[in-house]
Amino acid sequence: MDIQYQYHPDHLKNSEPTVYSAEGLKSEEMLINLGPQHPSTHGVLRLEVISDGEVVKDVVPHLGYLHRCFEKHAESVPYNQVIPYVDRMDYVAAMNSEHAYAMGVERMLGITDKIPKRVEYIRVLVAELNRLASHFVAIGTYGLDIGAFTPFLWVMRDREHIQRLLEWASGARMLYNYIWIGGLFYDLPVGFEERCASFSKYLKPKLKDLENLLISNKIFIDRTAKVGTLPLDLAINYGVTGPMLRGSGLKFDLRRVDGYSVYPELDFEVPIGSGEMGEVGDCWDRTWVRFRECEESVKIIDQCLERLTSDCKRTRDFDPREVVPKKIRPKAQDLYVRAENPKGELGFFFRADGRADQAIRCKARACSFVNLSVLPEISRGYMLSDLIAIMGSLDVVMGEVDR
């Protein structure tokens, strides 16, 4: 039985301590603010933590510190001028977000079948490069959150190669404005395919090194296995998507389920969590799924490069104005389009009135926002140190949360 000693006020006269049982003591809950300027909150997120000593009783996320006003911007400017605002939501995976938005407007215009195959393969190529870069940030900073410094340096080194490739194609390192409605800002630079193929060859053994250093590391497994377990039914009820949902054991990937762009023509697997090191849906499973998706993205990149250098060679520069009217005015309609971003399902709801060249309503379904909403459910009862591990396993970007 746990005991606590408390001396009688007149302890000088009575040197015998009074013994109280732990069951008879009422513990005090503490209110702890984690963030909004804390590196482990991955941006300006404030977590209001109610703890009983070291045990988390409840967590309340507070948002709104980085409000992008994306939806009102998208309703105030023409469709083609929204792309830079899309970049600033999930700024770690801007290419993927651009791809989803451009597909939505193209479907409203009915020009999806007019997009050349080369353009589609380039879109998938740069989106998968950006998926790699996003997962590198997620895995590297996650290791940093729980005390592993070297993996962060390794993934940032390899991510720099991707940043340089995307900068070469678009002119920007982070906010690309590259995938346009009806096409691309410009075709790939001459020699891009060869340099990208060299990067793919370089990266494959580096991923194996990363797996040995971090993913299979006993300390990392002990810190993440059986921590923050997200049951599949809870994930579905909360609308969780992406690696978090697949980490809970459901093989749901929009690249397969919806089969958009040229993904149906490509060969890749959809990894899911299996509870190999702990429980299905724990922090380790979510990290393992992201790591395996990096390997699958390399396979997709290789296939895109093969098509771009054989069936879809460069013939002439493609001008989006050939298929997109000068004034983009879709017919009156409501449309929802979604795509598989590195963090989950990014969706855009459009409402067009047939007269204006901007949407009268544009709603973004941000995967980071939805995934963050499940944090209180999977944090209760764990230690404060585990809360950092759980938070990092969500891989949220606050620009998308506060969109």
Protein backbone atom coordinates (compact mmCIF):
# COMPACT_ATOMS: atom_id res chain seq x y z
CA MET A 1 0.00 0.00 0.00
CA ASP A 2 1.30 3.44 -0.93
CA ILE A 3 1.75 5.61 2.14
CA GLN A 4 2.57 9.23 2.78
CA TYR A 5 3.99 10.56 6.01
CA GLN A 6 2.82 13.82 7.54
CA TYR A 7 4.18 15.06 10.83
CA HIS A 8 1.86 16.23 13.55
CA PRO A 9 2.02 20.04 14.06
CA ASP A 10 3.33 19.37 17.54
CA HIS A 11 5.98 17.07 16.15
CA LEU A 12 8.59 18.31 18.58
CA LYS A 13 6.60 16.74 21.39
CA ASN A 14 5.34 13.79 19.34
CA SER A 15 8.05 12.47 17.08
CA GLU A 16 5.90 9.62 15.69
CA PRO A 17 4.54 10.45 12.18
CA THR A 18 0.87 10.18 11.31
CA VAL A 19 0.35 7.67 8.48
CA TYR A 20 -2.23 8.30 5.71
CA SER A 21 -3.10 5.81 2.98
CA ALA A 22 -2.89 6.94 -0.64
CA GLU A 23 -6.55 6.01 -1.10
CA GLY A 24 -7.52 8.55 1.52
CA LEU A 25 -5.79 11.45 -0.22
CA LYS A 26 -7.48 13.58 -2.87
CA SER A 27 -5.08 14.47 -5.69
CA GLU A 28 -5.13 17.88 -7.32
CA GLU A 29 -5.52 18.37 -11.07
CA MET A 30 -3.25 20.82 -12.81
CA LEU A 31 -3.97 22.98 -15.84
CA ILE A 32 -0.94 23.09 -18.15
CA ASN A 33 -0.65 25.15 -21.33
CA LEU A 34 1.45 23.42 -23.97
CA GLY A 35 2.15 25.98 -26.67
CA PRO A 36 1.35 27.98 -28.72
CA GLN A 37 5.11 28.56 -29.03
CA HIS A 38 6.30 25.06 -28.27
CA PRO A 39 8.31 23.02 -30.81
CA SER A 40 6.39 19.83 -30.04
CA THR A 41 3.05 21.39 -31.03
CA HIS A 42 4.36 21.65 -34.63
CA GLY A 43 3.25 25.23 -35.10
CA VAL A 44 1.11 27.73 -33.30
CA LEU A 45 -1.19 25.26 -31.55
CA ARG A 46 -2.12 25.60 -27.90
CA LEU A 47 -2.96 22.46 -25.98
CA GLU A 48 -4.78 23.02 -22.70
CA VAL A 49 -3.82 19.92 -20.73
CA ILE A 50 -5.59 18.84 -17.56
CA SER A 51 -3.26 16.48 -15.72
CA ASP A 52 -3.29 14.53 -12.49
CA GLY A 53 0.38 14.62 -11.71
CA GLU A 54 1.99 13.06 -14.78
CA VAL A 55 -1.23 11.48 -16.07
CA VAL A 56 -3.24 13.26 -18.77
CA LYS A 57 -6.89 13.56 -17.80
CA ASP A 58 -8.01 15.63 -20.79
CA VAL A 59 -6.65 17.73 -23.66
CA VAL A 60 -8.35 20.71 -25.30
CA PRO A 61 -6.75 21.99 -28.56
CA HIS A 62 -7.09 25.74 -29.11
CA LEU A 63 -6.84 26.94 -32.72
CA GLY A 64 -6.90 30.19 -34.61
CA TYR A 65 -3.35 31.47 -34.12
CA LEU A 66 -2.50 31.15 -37.83
CA HIS A 67 -5.77 31.84 -39.61
CA ARG A 68 -5.24 31.88 -43.39
CA CYS A 69 -8.78 32.99 -44.34
CA PHE A 70 -8.39 30.67 -47.33
CA GLU A 71 -12.07 30.15 -47.99
CA LYS A 72 -12.90 33.86 -48.10
CA HIS A 73 -9.88 34.53 -50.29
CA ALA A 74 -11.04 31.78 -52.66
CA GLU A 75 -14.47 33.44 -52.90
CA SER A 76 -12.96 36.86 -53.62
CA VAL A 77 -10.58 36.21 -56.52
CA PRO A 78 -10.94 34.34 -59.84
CA TYR A 79 -10.45 30.59 -59.81
CA ASN A 80 -7.01 30.71 -61.42
CA GLN A 81 -5.70 33.20 -58.84
CA VAL A 82 -6.52 30.91 -55.90
CA ILE A 83 -3.55 28.56 -56.46
CA PRO A 84 -1.09 30.65 -54.35
CA TYR A 85 -3.58 30.61 -51.47
CA VAL A 86 -3.89 26.82 -51.75
CA ASP A 87 -0.11 26.59 -51.37
CA ARG A 88 -0.30 28.31 -48.01
CA MET A 89 -2.59 25.81 -46.34
CA ASP A 90 -0.44 22.68 -46.06
CA TYR A 91 2.77 24.50 -46.90
CA VAL A 92 4.79 21.29 -46.43
CA ALA A 93 2.86 19.59 -49.28
CA ALA A 94 1.84 22.44 -51.56
CA MET A 95 2.02 20.43 -54.81
CA ASN A 96 -0.51 17.90 -53.54
CA SER A 97 -2.92 20.64 -52.51
CA GLU A 98 -2.57 22.39 -55.88
CA HIS A 99 -3.31 19.10 -57.62
CA ALA A 100 -6.58 18.64 -55.72
CA TYR A 101 -7.78 22.20 -56.35
CA ALA A 102 -6.87 22.18 -60.05
CA MET A 103 -8.72 18.88 -60.57
CA GLY A 104 -11.82 20.35 -58.93
CA VAL A 105 -12.02 23.37 -61.23
CA GLU A 106 -11.23 21.20 -64.27
CA ARG A 107 -14.13 18.90 -63.41
CA MET A 108 -16.46 21.87 -63.11
CA LEU A 109 -15.32 23.03 -66.56
CA GLY A 110 -15.60 19.50 -68.01
CA ILE A 111 -12.04 19.52 -69.40
CA THR A 112 -10.56 16.63 -67.44
CA ASP A 113 -10.22 14.45 -70.54
CA LYS A 114 -8.43 17.26 -72.42
CA ILE A 115 -5.42 17.32 -70.11
CA PRO A 116 -2.44 15.73 -71.95
CA LYS A 117 -0.97 12.54 -70.51
CA ARG A 118 2.43 14.15 -70.10
CA VAL A 119 0.90 16.85 -67.91
CA GLU A 120 -0.84 14.23 -65.77
CA TYR A 121 2.37 12.25 -65.26
CA ILE A 122 4.28 15.40 -64.35
CA ARG A 123 1.58 16.30 -61.83
CA VAL A 124 1.81 12.89 -60.19
CA LEU A 125 5.61 13.02 -60.28
CA VAL A 126 5.88 16.36 -58.46
CA ALA A 127 3.05 15.40 -56.07
CA GLU A 128 4.87 12.22 -55.05
CA LEU A 129 8.13 14.11 -54.64
CA ASN A 130 6.27 16.48 -52.35
CA ARG A 131 4.69 13.52 -50.51
CA LEU A 132 8.19 12.26 -49.81
CA ALA A 133 9.26 15.70 -48.56
CA SER A 134 6.20 15.93 -46.31
CA HIS A 135 6.73 12.48 -44.80
CA PHE A 136 10.40 13.28 -44.25
CA VAL A 137 9.38 16.30 -42.18
CA ALA A 138 6.83 14.20 -40.29
CA ILE A 139 9.26 11.37 -39.49
CA GLY A 140 12.25 13.59 -38.78
CA THR A 141 10.51 16.01 -36.46
CA TYR A 142 8.74 13.11 -34.77
CA GLY A 143 12.07 11.54 -33.93
CA LEU A 144 13.21 14.93 -32.64
CA ASP A 145 10.11 15.21 -30.43
CA ILE A 146 11.03 12.07 -28.53
CA GLY A 147 14.78 12.59 -28.36
CA ALA A 148 16.29 11.21 -31.59
CA PHE A 149 18.35 13.94 -33.24
CA THR A 150 20.29 12.13 -35.99
CA PRO A 151 17.26 10.96 -38.06
CA PHE A 152 16.13 14.58 -38.33
CA LEU A 153 19.46 15.56 -39.86
CA TRP A 154 19.33 12.62 -42.27
CA VAL A 155 15.82 13.30 -43.58
CA MET A 156 16.47 17.04 -43.90
CA ARG A 157 19.58 16.22 -45.95
CA ASP A 158 17.55 14.05 -48.32
CA ARG A 159 14.61 16.46 -48.37
CA GLU A 160 16.96 19.15 -49.61
CA HIS A 161 17.44 17.17 -52.84
CA ILE A 162 13.66 17.21 -53.36
CA GLN A 163 13.45 20.93 -52.59
CA ARG A 164 16.09 21.66 -55.21
CA LEU A 165 14.31 19.54 -57.80
CA LEU A 166 10.97 21.27 -57.19
CA GLU A 167 12.67 24.67 -57.16
CA TRP A 168 14.24 23.84 -60.50
CA ALA A 169 10.82 23.02 -61.95
CA SER A 170 8.76 25.82 -60.39
CA GLY A 171 11.17 28.52 -59.26
CA ALA A 172 10.11 28.23 -55.60
CA ARG A 173 11.30 26.06 -52.73
CA MET A 174 8.08 25.86 -50.74
CA LEU A 175 5.06 27.65 -52.24
CA TYR A 176 5.25 26.48 -55.82
CA ASN A 177 2.26 27.79 -57.83
CA TYR A 178 3.20 25.12 -60.38
CA ILE A 179 0.07 23.03 -61.07
CA TRP A 180 -2.34 25.33 -62.86
CA ILE A 181 -5.93 24.85 -63.94
CA GLY A 182 -5.73 23.08 -67.29
CA GLY A 183 -2.04 22.23 -67.07
CA LEU A 184 1.19 23.41 -65.51
CA PHE A 185 3.13 26.62 -65.07
CA TYR A 186 5.73 25.17 -67.41
CA ASP A 187 7.02 21.82 -68.62
CA LEU A 188 9.85 20.15 -66.74
CA PRO A 189 13.29 21.67 -67.34
CA VAL A 190 15.53 19.82 -69.77
CA GLY A 191 17.45 17.17 -67.84
CA PHE A 192 14.95 17.03 -64.96
CA GLU A 193 14.01 13.41 -65.58
CA GLU A 194 17.64 12.26 -65.52
CA ARG A 195 18.45 14.12 -62.30
CA CYS A 196 15.26 12.85 -60.64
CA ALA A 197 16.15 9.28 -61.62
CA SER A 198 19.57 9.74 -60.01
CA PHE A 199 17.90 10.97 -56.84
CA SER A 200 15.59 7.94 -56.77
CA LYS A 201 18.57 5.60 -57.07
CA TYR A 202 20.37 7.51 -54.30
CA LEU A 203 17.36 7.49 -51.94
CA LYS A 204 16.52 3.78 -51.85
CA PRO A 205 19.45 2.69 -49.64
CA LYS A 206 19.01 5.82 -47.51
CA LEU A 207 15.46 4.74 -46.66
CA LYS A 208 16.79 1.39 -45.50
CA ASP A 209 19.31 3.20 -43.30
CA LEU A 210 16.50 5.32 -41.84
CA GLU A 211 14.49 2.22 -41.04
CA ASN A 212 17.42 0.67 -39.19
CA LEU A 213 18.25 3.87 -37.33
CA LEU A 214 14.77 4.95 -36.23
CA ILE A 215 11.78 2.81 -37.19
CA SER A 216 13.29 -0.47 -35.95
CA ASN A 217 15.14 1.12 -33.04
CA LYS A 218 14.26 -0.47 -29.69
CA ILE A 219 14.11 2.87 -27.89
CA PHE A 220 11.80 4.30 -30.55
CA ILE A 221 9.58 1.21 -30.39
CA ASP A 222 9.36 1.42 -26.59
CA ARG A 223 8.34 5.09 -26.82
CA THR A 224 5.67 4.62 -29.49
CA ALA A 225 4.29 1.07 -29.33
CA LYS A 226 0.99 0.77 -27.41
CA VAL A 227 0.89 4.57 -27.07
CA GLY A 228 -1.96 6.70 -28.44
CA THR A 229 -3.83 3.72 -29.87
CA LEU A 230 -6.57 4.81 -32.29
CA PRO A 231 -9.19 2.04 -32.74
CA LEU A 232 -10.55 1.72 -36.26
CA ASP A 233 -14.18 2.42 -35.30
CA LEU A 234 -13.14 5.62 -33.50
CA ALA A 235 -11.06 6.72 -36.50
CA ILE A 236 -14.01 6.22 -38.85
CA ASN A 237 -16.43 8.03 -36.54
CA TYR A 238 -14.13 11.04 -36.35
CA GLY A 239 -13.53 11.13 -40.12
CA VAL A 240 -9.81 10.48 -39.75
CA THR A 241 -8.03 9.82 -43.05
CA GLY A 242 -4.57 9.29 -44.48
CA PRO A 243 -1.76 7.46 -42.67
CA MET A 244 -3.66 7.80 -39.38
CA LEU A 245 -6.61 5.81 -40.74
CA ARG A 246 -4.40 3.31 -42.53
CA GLY A 247 -2.33 2.96 -39.37
CA SER A 248 -5.52 1.75 -37.69
CA GLY A 249 -5.79 -1.07 -40.21
CA LEU A 250 -8.08 0.17 -43.01
CA LYS A 251 -6.70 0.07 -46.55
CA PHE A 252 -8.33 3.32 -47.72
CA ASP A 253 -6.28 5.45 -50.12
CA LEU A 254 -8.02 7.84 -52.50
CA ARG A 255 -5.38 7.20 -55.14
CA ARG A 256 -6.88 3.70 -55.29
CA VAL A 257 -10.46 4.31 -54.16
CA ASP A 258 -11.15 7.26 -56.48
CA GLY A 259 -8.44 6.49 -59.03
CA TYR A 260 -7.88 10.09 -60.09
CA SER A 261 -5.30 11.37 -62.58
CA VAL A 262 -3.05 8.51 -63.82
CA TYR A 263 -2.83 6.65 -60.52
CA PRO A 264 -4.93 3.71 -61.85
CA GLU A 265 -2.16 3.09 -64.40
CA LEU A 266 0.57 2.87 -61.74
CA ASP A 267 1.62 -0.05 -59.57
CA PHE A 268 1.96 0.62 -55.84
CA GLU A 269 0.84 -0.85 -52.55
CA VAL A 270 -1.26 0.72 -49.78
CA PRO A 271 0.47 -0.09 -46.45
CA ILE A 272 -1.64 -0.47 -43.31
CA GLY A 273 -0.87 -0.90 -39.61
CA SER A 274 -0.84 -4.43 -38.23
CA GLY A 275 0.16 -3.98 -34.59
CA GLU A 276 3.50 -5.61 -35.34
CA MET A 277 5.28 -3.92 -32.43
CA GLY A 278 2.34 -3.16 -30.15
CA GLU A 279 -1.33 -2.53 -30.93
CA VAL A 280 -3.02 -1.78 -34.25
CA GLY A 281 -3.35 1.99 -34.57
CA ASP A 282 -0.66 3.03 -32.11
CA CYS A 283 1.97 5.71 -32.69
CA TRP A 284 4.46 3.20 -34.08
CA ASP A 285 1.98 1.92 -36.66
CA ARG A 286 1.26 5.44 -37.89
CA THR A 287 4.96 6.19 -38.28
CA TRP A 288 5.60 2.85 -39.96
CA VAL A 289 2.82 3.53 -42.50
CA ARG A 290 4.37 6.90 -43.37
CA PHE A 291 7.76 5.29 -43.81
CA ARG A 292 6.34 2.56 -46.06
CA GLU A 293 4.53 5.18 -48.11
CA CYS A 294 7.90 6.79 -48.78
CA GLU A 295 9.04 3.53 -50.37
CA GLU A 296 5.86 3.34 -52.44
CA SER A 297 6.25 6.97 -53.57
CA VAL A 298 9.71 6.12 -54.91
CA LYS A 299 8.12 3.30 -56.94
CA ILE A 300 5.54 5.72 -58.34
CA ILE A 301 8.25 8.26 -59.19
CA ASP A 302 10.22 5.61 -61.09
CA GLN A 303 7.15 4.64 -63.13
CA CYS A 304 6.33 8.27 -63.95
CA LEU A 305 9.89 8.88 -65.10
CA GLU A 306 9.75 5.79 -67.31
CA ARG A 307 6.53 7.03 -68.97
CA LEU A 308 7.85 10.59 -69.33
CA THR A 309 10.93 9.34 -71.16
CA SER A 310 9.15 6.79 -73.38
CA ASP A 311 5.41 7.11 -74.12
CA CYS A 312 4.98 10.75 -73.08
CA LYS A 313 8.16 12.38 -74.30
CA ARG A 314 8.45 16.12 -74.61
CA THR A 315 7.10 17.19 -78.00
CA ARG A 316 6.24 20.84 -77.54
CA ASP A 317 5.49 23.18 -74.70
CA PHE A 318 1.88 22.78 -73.62
CA ASP A 319 -0.09 25.97 -73.04
CA PRO A 320 -3.03 25.66 -70.56
CA ARG A 321 -4.83 28.40 -72.46
CA GLU A 322 -5.47 25.86 -75.22
CA VAL A 323 -8.09 24.15 -73.05
CA VAL A 324 -8.99 26.79 -70.43
CA PRO A 325 -11.03 29.85 -71.41
CA LYS A 326 -9.67 33.28 -70.55
CA LYS A 327 -12.54 33.79 -68.12
CA ILE A 328 -13.16 30.67 -66.04
CA ARG A 329 -16.92 30.58 -65.54
CA PRO A 330 -18.20 27.07 -64.80
CA LYS A 331 -21.86 26.22 -65.19
CA ALA A 332 -24.05 26.61 -62.12
CA GLN A 333 -23.37 23.55 -59.98
CA ASP A 334 -22.22 22.16 -56.66
CA LEU A 335 -19.12 19.96 -56.75
CA TYR A 336 -16.96 18.21 -54.19
CA VAL A 337 -13.55 16.89 -55.20
CA ARG A 338 -11.02 15.12 -53.02
CA ALA A 339 -7.46 13.86 -53.28
CA GLU A 340 -5.01 11.89 -51.16
CA ASN A 341 -2.66 14.37 -49.54
CA PRO A 342 0.27 13.17 -47.40
CA LYS A 343 -1.84 13.82 -44.28
CA GLY A 344 -5.16 12.47 -45.55
CA GLU A 345 -8.18 13.47 -47.59
CA LEU A 346 -8.05 17.07 -48.80
CA GLY A 347 -11.43 18.05 -50.21
CA PHE A 348 -12.82 21.16 -51.87
CA PHE A 349 -16.51 21.97 -52.15
CA PHE A 350 -17.34 24.47 -54.88
CA ARG A 351 -20.60 26.28 -55.56
CA ALA A 352 -20.74 28.14 -58.88
CA ASP A 353 -23.61 30.31 -60.10
CA GLY A 354 -22.68 30.21 -63.80
CA ARG A 355 -22.10 33.96 -64.00
CA ALA A 356 -19.14 34.88 -61.79
CA ASP A 357 -15.53 33.94 -62.46
CA GLN A 358 -15.04 33.07 -58.80
CA ALA A 359 -16.78 30.55 -56.57
CA ILE A 360 -19.72 31.91 -54.57
CA ARG A 361 -18.78 29.29 -51.96
CA CYS A 362 -15.50 27.43 -51.55
CA LYS A 363 -15.12 25.12 -48.57
CA ALA A 364 -11.90 23.25 -47.81
CA ARG A 365 -12.00 19.97 -45.91
CA ALA A 366 -8.61 20.08 -44.24
CA CYS A 367 -7.27 16.65 -43.24
CA SER A 368 -5.04 18.10 -40.49
CA PHE A 369 -8.06 19.75 -38.84
CA VAL A 370 -10.10 16.54 -38.83
CA ASN A 371 -7.19 14.40 -37.65
CA LEU A 372 -6.41 16.82 -34.82
CA SER A 373 -9.97 16.52 -33.50
CA VAL A 374 -9.32 12.96 -32.30
CA LEU A 375 -6.37 13.98 -30.10
CA PRO A 376 -8.34 14.18 -26.80
CA GLU A 377 -9.79 10.69 -27.33
CA ILE A 378 -6.41 8.98 -27.76
CA SER A 379 -4.52 10.96 -25.09
CA ARG A 380 -6.52 10.37 -21.91
CA GLY A 381 -4.80 8.15 -19.37
CA TYR A 382 -1.33 8.43 -20.87
CA MET A 383 1.65 10.24 -19.36
CA LEU A 384 2.56 13.81 -20.25
CA SER A 385 5.64 12.57 -22.07
CA ASP A 386 3.38 10.25 -24.09
CA LEU A 387 1.24 13.25 -25.08
CA ILE A 388 4.23 14.65 -26.98
CA ALA A 389 4.61 11.33 -28.81
CA ILE A 390 0.88 11.22 -29.62
CA MET A 391 0.79 14.80 -30.84
CA GLY A 392 3.77 14.24 -33.13
CA SER A 393 2.21 11.11 -34.61
CA LEU A 394 -0.74 13.14 -35.93
CA ASP A 395 1.48 15.11 -38.37
CA VAL A 396 -0.61 18.28 -38.41
CA VAL A 397 0.24 21.54 -40.20
CA MET A 398 -1.42 24.54 -38.63
CA GLY A 399 -1.80 26.48 -41.87
CA GLU A 400 -4.25 23.77 -42.95
CA VAL A 401 -5.93 23.50 -39.55
CA ASP A 402 -6.69 27.24 -39.50
CA ARG A 403 -7.09 27.40 -43.29
